[in-house]
Amino acid sequence: MIGAITAGLFNAPVPPLSIEYLIIAGGAGGGSRWGGGGGGGGYLTASNLELNLGTNYTVTCGAGGAKGAGNAGIPGSDGSNSVFNILTATGGGGGGGESVSSNGRNGGSGGGGSAAVPDSTGGTGSQGSNGGVGKSGSGGGGGGGTTAGGAASGPSSYVGGAGGTGYTSSLSGSSTVYSSGGGGGALTTGGSATGGGGAGGNTGNASDASPANRGGGGGGGGAAGGIGYDGGNGSSGFVVLKYLDTRTITIGAGLTGSTASAGGFKTTTITAGTGNVSWT
């Protein structure tokens, strides 16, 4: 009986392909004029996903959301979803605008609320954290990341909320922070941001999330002297796939990507587009 069990273990089927993946959605844009910071893009990662050889799997790299622009208090746009097969990382929620759609939008991580009256709520995060509260007459809340976006401080200080911190992964080859939230805009001090999220503005435009393929949210625009300023654009997402170097990937038309080999594995990084991949 023991021999039969042992033989059965040795004869167990081996998965044809097992991969580790990282899927980052596009970060959202920040709102203008005391705007809320954009939420970070959704973040999905796991190992030992079993796939079949010779099968096409869909990949989409989500774009970053556009900033809320101009003096009218326009909200930031949501980031776009990133997809691998049936897995979807949800784009970040746009930051609220001071005059139009003042609450932060829901998304992978929620956008920050703006400095509208009454206080504006942050959006809800489905794969990350919620956006921060915007304080009327003060500043916008920070966009969410791993942690919730910070709330703007009261009118005595006029400081925008800090963007939520992001997620750290080394799957792409080096330890990098992804999906950070953008800081909220304010009159005196824009909210801070780290890990690729855009800082909030004060007497000027907010910062864009950067660089590309980090999924960070853009900062909320500042305001001074009755003039409002632009929010920041969100950063695009990407998809990373790691597998044994005995396998060969085909990156289909419509996708931009590259493959590197190290330590017995290949790592394919897809940075833009929509299309299919397959392995042999």
Protein backbone atom coordinates (compact mmCIF):
# COMPACT_ATOMS: atom_id res chain seq x y z
CA MET A 1 0.00 0.00 0.00
CA ILE A 2 2.81 2.43 0.88
CA GLY A 3 4.51 1.61 -2.41
CA ALA A 4 1.28 2.28 -4.32
CA ILE A 5 0.83 5.65 -2.62
CA THR A 6 4.44 6.60 -3.34
CA ALA A 7 4.10 5.64 -6.99
CA GLY A 8 0.91 7.70 -7.22
CA LEU A 9 2.69 10.76 -5.87
CA PHE A 10 5.51 10.41 -8.40
CA ASN A 11 2.99 9.98 -11.23
CA ALA A 12 0.92 13.06 -10.29
CA PRO A 13 0.42 15.37 -13.29
CA VAL A 14 2.70 18.38 -13.49
CA PRO A 15 1.03 21.69 -14.42
CA PRO A 16 2.03 22.58 -18.00
CA LEU A 17 2.79 26.18 -17.03
CA SER A 18 2.91 27.92 -13.66
CA ILE A 19 3.44 31.67 -13.47
CA GLU A 20 3.78 34.47 -10.95
CA TYR A 21 2.04 37.71 -11.90
CA LEU A 22 1.76 41.38 -10.98
CA ILE A 23 -1.10 43.44 -12.41
CA ILE A 24 -1.19 47.20 -11.82
CA ALA A 25 -4.11 49.34 -13.04
CA GLY A 26 -3.85 52.95 -14.11
CA GLY A 27 -3.79 55.57 -11.35
CA ALA A 28 -6.44 58.29 -11.38
CA GLY A 29 -6.13 62.00 -12.11
CA GLY A 30 -6.39 64.60 -9.36
CA GLY A 31 -9.18 67.19 -9.29
CA SER A 32 -8.64 70.89 -9.97
CA ARG A 33 -9.06 73.89 -7.62
CA TRP A 34 -8.58 72.61 -4.06
CA GLY A 35 -9.03 69.18 -5.62
CA GLY A 36 -8.66 65.74 -4.14
CA GLY A 37 -5.73 63.52 -5.04
CA GLY A 38 -6.25 60.65 -7.46
CA GLY A 39 -6.46 57.14 -6.10
CA GLY A 40 -3.77 54.58 -6.91
CA GLY A 41 -4.53 51.84 -9.43
CA GLY A 42 -5.63 48.43 -8.23
CA TYR A 43 -2.85 45.96 -7.39
CA LEU A 44 -3.06 42.18 -7.87
CA THR A 45 -0.22 39.68 -7.39
CA ALA A 46 0.11 35.95 -6.72
CA SER A 47 2.26 32.95 -7.57
CA ASN A 48 1.56 29.46 -8.93
CA LEU A 49 -1.18 30.40 -11.37
CA GLU A 50 -1.57 27.36 -13.62
CA LEU A 51 -2.08 27.96 -17.35
CA ASN A 52 -2.08 25.92 -20.54
CA LEU A 53 0.50 25.96 -23.30
CA GLY A 54 -0.60 27.10 -26.75
CA THR A 55 -3.56 29.08 -25.39
CA ASN A 56 -4.11 32.80 -25.95
CA TYR A 57 -4.51 34.88 -22.79
CA THR A 58 -5.74 38.48 -22.96
CA VAL A 59 -3.58 41.29 -21.60
CA THR A 60 -4.58 44.96 -21.22
CA CYS A 61 -2.43 47.69 -19.68
CA GLY A 62 -4.61 50.43 -18.19
CA ALA A 63 -3.90 54.09 -18.92
CA GLY A 64 -3.60 56.70 -16.21
CA GLY A 65 -6.59 58.99 -15.62
CA ALA A 66 -6.57 62.53 -16.99
CA LYS A 67 -6.22 65.49 -14.64
CA GLY A 68 -9.05 67.82 -13.77
CA ALA A 69 -8.03 71.00 -15.59
CA GLY A 70 -8.82 74.68 -15.22
CA ASN A 71 -10.41 77.05 -12.74
CA ALA A 72 -13.83 75.38 -12.67
CA GLY A 73 -13.01 72.71 -10.10
CA ILE A 74 -13.23 69.75 -12.49
CA PRO A 75 -12.71 66.26 -10.97
CA GLY A 76 -9.94 63.95 -12.11
CA SER A 77 -10.76 61.02 -14.38
CA ASP A 78 -10.58 57.42 -13.18
CA GLY A 79 -7.62 55.28 -14.19
CA SER A 80 -8.29 52.42 -16.62
CA ASN A 81 -8.35 48.73 -15.68
CA SER A 82 -5.46 46.36 -16.37
CA VAL A 83 -6.29 42.75 -17.25
CA PHE A 84 -4.59 39.37 -17.48
CA ASN A 85 -6.85 36.50 -18.52
CA ILE A 86 -9.82 36.65 -16.10
CA LEU A 87 -7.99 38.82 -13.54
CA THR A 88 -8.78 42.54 -13.47
CA ALA A 89 -7.00 45.25 -11.50
CA THR A 90 -9.40 48.18 -11.17
CA GLY A 91 -8.33 51.70 -12.11
CA GLY A 92 -7.95 54.27 -9.36
CA GLY A 93 -10.84 56.60 -8.47
CA GLY A 94 -10.59 60.20 -9.62
CA GLY A 95 -10.03 63.02 -7.14
CA GLY A 96 -12.98 65.31 -6.48
CA GLY A 97 -13.14 68.81 -7.98
CA GLU A 98 -13.95 71.80 -5.80
CA SER A 99 -16.98 72.87 -7.86
CA VAL A 100 -18.07 69.78 -9.85
CA SER A 101 -18.44 66.25 -8.42
CA SER A 102 -16.72 67.19 -5.20
CA ASN A 103 -16.58 63.74 -3.59
CA GLY A 104 -13.73 61.40 -4.48
CA ARG A 105 -14.63 58.58 -6.86
CA ASN A 106 -14.57 54.87 -6.07
CA GLY A 107 -11.90 52.71 -7.70
CA GLY A 108 -9.01 50.35 -7.09
CA SER A 109 -8.13 52.88 -4.41
CA GLY A 110 -10.50 55.77 -3.76
CA GLY A 111 -9.92 59.36 -4.83
CA GLY A 112 -9.71 62.15 -2.27
CA GLY A 113 -12.60 64.54 -1.66
CA SER A 114 -12.22 68.22 -2.56
CA ALA A 115 -12.47 71.40 -0.47
CA ALA A 116 -16.15 71.93 -1.29
CA VAL A 117 -18.87 72.91 1.16
CA PRO A 118 -19.78 70.81 3.08
CA ASP A 119 -16.77 68.55 3.62
CA SER A 120 -16.39 66.05 0.77
CA THR A 121 -15.95 62.34 1.28
CA GLY A 122 -13.20 60.21 -0.20
CA GLY A 123 -14.00 57.40 -2.61
CA THR A 124 -14.01 53.74 -1.61
CA GLY A 125 -11.18 51.41 -2.63
CA SER A 126 -12.05 47.91 -3.88
CA GLN A 127 -8.47 46.60 -4.07
CA GLY A 128 -6.74 49.26 -2.01
CA SER A 129 -7.70 51.91 0.52
CA ASN A 130 -10.20 54.75 0.64
CA GLY A 131 -9.50 58.36 -0.29
CA GLY A 132 -9.21 61.08 2.35
CA VAL A 133 -11.81 63.65 3.37
CA GLY A 134 -11.64 67.12 1.82
CA LYS A 135 -12.18 70.03 4.22
CA SER A 136 -14.32 72.97 3.12
CA GLY A 137 -12.29 76.14 2.76
CA SER A 138 -9.07 74.21 3.40
CA GLY A 139 -7.92 71.57 0.94
CA GLY A 140 -8.51 68.28 -0.79
CA GLY A 141 -8.02 64.86 0.73
CA GLY A 142 -5.28 62.53 -0.46
CA GLY A 143 -5.97 59.62 -2.80
CA GLY A 144 -5.80 56.14 -1.33
CA GLY A 145 -3.04 53.56 -1.83
CA THR A 146 -2.03 50.74 0.53
CA THR A 147 -3.09 53.08 3.33
CA ALA A 148 -6.00 55.50 3.25
CA GLY A 149 -5.47 58.97 1.85
CA GLY A 150 -5.00 61.63 4.50
CA ALA A 151 -7.70 64.16 5.34
CA ALA A 152 -7.02 67.84 4.66
CA SER A 153 -6.38 69.90 7.76
CA GLY A 154 -8.62 72.73 8.89
CA PRO A 155 -8.81 76.30 7.57
CA SER A 156 -6.22 77.54 10.05
CA SER A 157 -3.46 75.70 8.17
CA TYR A 158 -4.81 74.99 4.66
CA VAL A 159 -2.85 71.78 4.11
CA GLY A 160 -3.99 69.12 1.65
CA GLY A 161 -4.17 65.51 2.73
CA ALA A 162 -1.22 63.23 2.00
CA GLY A 163 -1.56 60.51 -0.60
CA GLY A 164 -1.75 56.96 0.71
CA THR A 165 1.44 54.91 0.53
CA GLY A 166 1.77 52.25 -2.17
CA TYR A 167 2.59 48.56 -2.48
CA THR A 168 6.14 47.25 -2.86
CA SER A 169 7.09 44.45 -5.27
CA SER A 170 10.36 43.13 -6.72
CA LEU A 171 8.77 40.98 -9.42
CA SER A 172 9.76 43.35 -12.22
CA GLY A 173 13.44 43.04 -11.23
CA SER A 174 13.98 45.68 -8.54
CA SER A 175 12.10 46.70 -5.42
CA THR A 176 9.58 49.31 -6.55
CA VAL A 177 6.56 51.04 -5.02
CA TYR A 178 3.32 50.96 -7.01
CA SER A 179 -0.23 52.34 -6.77
CA SER A 180 0.43 55.26 -4.41
CA GLY A 181 -2.23 57.94 -3.99
CA GLY A 182 -1.85 61.59 -5.00
CA GLY A 183 -1.77 64.42 -2.47
CA GLY A 184 -4.69 66.82 -2.10
CA GLY A 185 -4.54 70.42 -3.31
CA ALA A 186 -4.76 73.36 -0.90
CA LEU A 187 -4.28 77.11 -0.52
CA THR A 188 -1.04 77.04 1.47
CA THR A 189 0.54 73.57 1.33
CA GLY A 190 -0.29 70.82 -1.11
CA GLY A 191 -0.53 67.29 0.24
CA SER A 192 2.61 65.17 0.00
CA ALA A 193 2.91 61.94 -1.97
CA THR A 194 5.48 59.16 -2.18
CA GLY A 195 6.29 56.21 -4.43
CA GLY A 196 5.29 57.79 -7.73
CA GLY A 197 2.10 59.56 -6.61
CA GLY A 198 1.78 63.22 -7.57
CA ALA A 199 2.05 65.92 -4.91
CA GLY A 200 -0.87 68.31 -4.42
CA GLY A 201 -0.60 71.90 -5.62
CA ASN A 202 -1.03 75.16 -3.73
CA THR A 203 -0.32 78.35 -5.70
CA GLY A 204 0.14 76.35 -8.89
CA ASN A 205 -0.67 73.16 -10.72
CA ALA A 206 -0.38 69.79 -9.03
CA SER A 207 2.26 67.23 -9.96
CA ASP A 208 1.59 64.36 -12.32
CA ALA A 209 2.13 60.84 -11.01
CA SER A 210 5.40 59.53 -12.44
CA PRO A 211 7.05 57.64 -13.93
CA ALA A 212 4.84 55.62 -16.27
CA ASN A 213 3.78 52.07 -15.33
CA ARG A 214 3.63 52.76 -11.61
CA GLY A 215 -0.16 53.16 -11.22
CA GLY A 216 0.16 56.28 -9.04
CA GLY A 217 -2.56 58.90 -8.60
CA GLY A 218 -2.07 62.50 -9.67
CA GLY A 219 -2.11 65.35 -7.17
CA GLY A 220 -5.06 67.66 -6.56
CA GLY A 221 -4.78 71.20 -7.93
CA GLY A 222 -4.23 74.14 -5.61
CA ALA A 223 -5.81 77.59 -5.49
CA ALA A 224 -4.83 81.15 -4.62
CA GLY A 225 -6.42 84.58 -5.04
CA GLY A 226 -9.64 83.08 -6.35
CA ILE A 227 -7.80 81.23 -9.13
CA GLY A 228 -7.83 77.45 -9.34
CA TYR A 229 -5.10 75.28 -10.77
CA ASP A 230 -4.91 71.96 -12.58
CA GLY A 231 -4.74 68.59 -10.93
CA GLY A 232 -2.11 66.04 -11.99
CA ASN A 233 -2.41 63.14 -14.42
CA GLY A 234 -2.36 59.57 -13.16
CA SER A 235 0.36 57.06 -14.07
CA SER A 236 -0.32 54.11 -16.37
CA GLY A 237 -0.39 50.50 -15.20
CA PHE A 238 1.35 47.38 -16.51
CA VAL A 239 1.45 43.58 -16.32
CA VAL A 240 4.43 41.41 -15.25
CA LEU A 241 4.56 37.64 -15.83
CA LYS A 242 7.32 35.37 -14.43
CA TYR A 243 7.80 31.71 -15.44
CA LEU A 244 10.44 29.00 -15.92
CA ASP A 245 13.01 29.81 -18.59
CA THR A 246 12.28 26.48 -20.33
CA ARG A 247 9.15 28.16 -21.69
CA THR A 248 8.88 30.71 -24.50
CA ILE A 249 6.28 33.46 -24.61
CA THR A 250 4.77 35.03 -27.73
CA ILE A 251 3.67 38.66 -27.26
CA GLY A 252 0.90 39.37 -29.73
CA ALA A 253 0.17 42.38 -31.88
CA GLY A 254 -1.13 45.41 -30.02
CA LEU A 255 1.12 44.90 -26.98
CA THR A 256 4.43 46.51 -26.05
CA GLY A 257 6.64 44.30 -23.92
CA SER A 258 10.04 42.76 -23.27
CA THR A 259 11.44 39.63 -21.65
CA ALA A 260 14.52 39.18 -19.44
CA SER A 261 16.11 35.97 -18.09
CA ALA A 262 17.76 35.41 -14.71
CA GLY A 263 18.14 32.61 -12.17
CA GLY A 264 16.27 29.99 -14.16
CA PHE A 265 13.25 32.20 -14.84
CA LYS A 266 12.01 34.58 -17.51
CA THR A 267 10.17 37.78 -16.64
CA THR A 268 7.99 39.43 -19.25
CA THR A 269 6.96 43.03 -18.65
CA ILE A 270 4.10 44.41 -20.75
CA THR A 271 3.86 48.18 -20.58
CA ALA A 272 1.14 49.22 -23.03
CA GLY A 273 -1.68 48.07 -25.26
CA THR A 274 -4.26 45.30 -25.53
CA GLY A 275 -3.67 41.90 -27.11
CA ASN A 276 -2.85 38.27 -26.39
CA VAL A 277 0.08 36.29 -25.05
CA SER A 278 0.75 32.54 -25.28
CA TRP A 279 3.48 30.08 -24.29
CA THR A 280 5.21 27.07 -25.78
